[in-house]
Amino acid sequence: MLPLHIVILRILKRSNGTATDKELFRAVKKILGEDISRSQFNKMLMVLEVRGMIIVEPLKKDLKIVRLAS
């Protein structure tokens, strides 16, 4: 099984570098199954953002856009 950060980055690359956090979470869950919680997913998004690999921006109250950093 692939590490979570690899799965997230591959999904973003396949979706032209942009996806909402909800779309991304659904796609990750589909690949990894029920082995991932929302909190694990959000923590990994923060790690990837701190490392400069992605950019996470709020769209609405409960919706964020996730982009690959260029």
Protein backbone atom coordinates (compact mmCIF):
# COMPACT_ATOMS: atom_id res chain seq x y z
CA MET A 1 0.00 0.00 0.00
CA LEU A 2 1.27 3.46 -0.91
CA PRO A 3 1.92 6.11 1.74
CA LEU A 4 -0.83 8.71 2.16
CA HIS A 5 1.22 11.66 0.90
CA ILE A 6 2.07 9.83 -2.33
CA VAL A 7 -1.60 8.98 -2.93
CA ILE A 8 -2.65 12.62 -2.38
CA LEU A 9 0.01 13.96 -4.74
CA ARG A 10 -0.80 11.41 -7.46
CA ILE A 11 -4.52 12.22 -7.30
CA LEU A 12 -3.77 15.93 -7.58
CA LYS A 13 -1.50 15.34 -10.58
CA ARG A 14 -4.26 13.32 -12.28
CA SER A 15 -6.80 16.09 -11.65
CA ASN A 16 -4.71 18.80 -13.33
CA GLY A 17 -3.20 19.89 -10.02
CA THR A 18 -6.41 21.10 -8.37
CA ALA A 19 -9.21 19.52 -6.36
CA THR A 20 -11.48 20.37 -3.46
CA ASP A 21 -10.62 18.78 -0.15
CA LYS A 22 -13.88 16.79 -0.25
CA GLU A 23 -13.17 15.38 -3.74
CA LEU A 24 -9.62 14.59 -2.73
CA PHE A 25 -10.71 12.84 0.48
CA ARG A 26 -13.24 10.71 -1.43
CA ALA A 27 -10.60 9.71 -3.97
CA VAL A 28 -8.05 8.87 -1.25
CA LYS A 29 -10.63 6.83 0.64
CA LYS A 30 -11.50 4.95 -2.55
CA ILE A 31 -7.83 3.99 -3.03
CA LEU A 32 -6.92 3.28 0.59
CA GLY A 33 -10.30 1.99 1.72
CA GLU A 34 -11.58 2.70 5.20
CA ASP A 35 -8.03 2.89 6.58
CA ILE A 36 -7.98 6.69 6.72
CA SER A 37 -9.82 9.15 8.93
CA ARG A 38 -10.64 12.74 8.09
CA SER A 39 -8.23 13.94 10.79
CA GLN A 40 -5.35 11.86 9.34
CA PHE A 41 -6.12 13.30 5.92
CA ASN A 42 -6.17 16.89 7.22
CA LYS A 43 -2.90 16.37 9.11
CA MET A 44 -1.24 15.12 5.93
CA LEU A 45 -2.55 18.13 4.00
CA MET A 46 -0.92 20.37 6.63
CA VAL A 47 2.37 18.46 6.38
CA LEU A 48 2.38 18.74 2.59
CA GLU A 49 1.54 22.44 2.79
CA VAL A 50 4.35 23.13 5.29
CA ARG A 51 6.77 21.25 3.03
CA GLY A 52 5.73 23.52 0.16
CA MET A 53 4.30 20.73 -1.98
CA ILE A 54 0.66 21.90 -2.00
CA ILE A 55 -1.35 25.07 -1.35
CA VAL A 56 -4.63 24.88 0.56
CA GLU A 57 -7.02 27.83 0.30
CA PRO A 58 -10.51 28.26 1.75
CA LEU A 59 -13.38 28.58 -0.74
CA LYS A 60 -16.36 28.47 1.62
CA LYS A 61 -16.88 27.73 5.29
CA ASP A 62 -16.54 23.95 4.90
CA LEU A 63 -14.76 23.75 1.56
CA LYS A 64 -11.10 24.19 0.63
CA ILE A 65 -9.28 24.07 -2.67
CA VAL A 66 -6.06 22.05 -2.78
CA ARG A 67 -3.50 22.85 -5.47
CA LEU A 68 -0.08 21.49 -6.32
CA ALA A 69 2.56 24.11 -5.65
CA SER A 70 4.45 25.13 -8.76
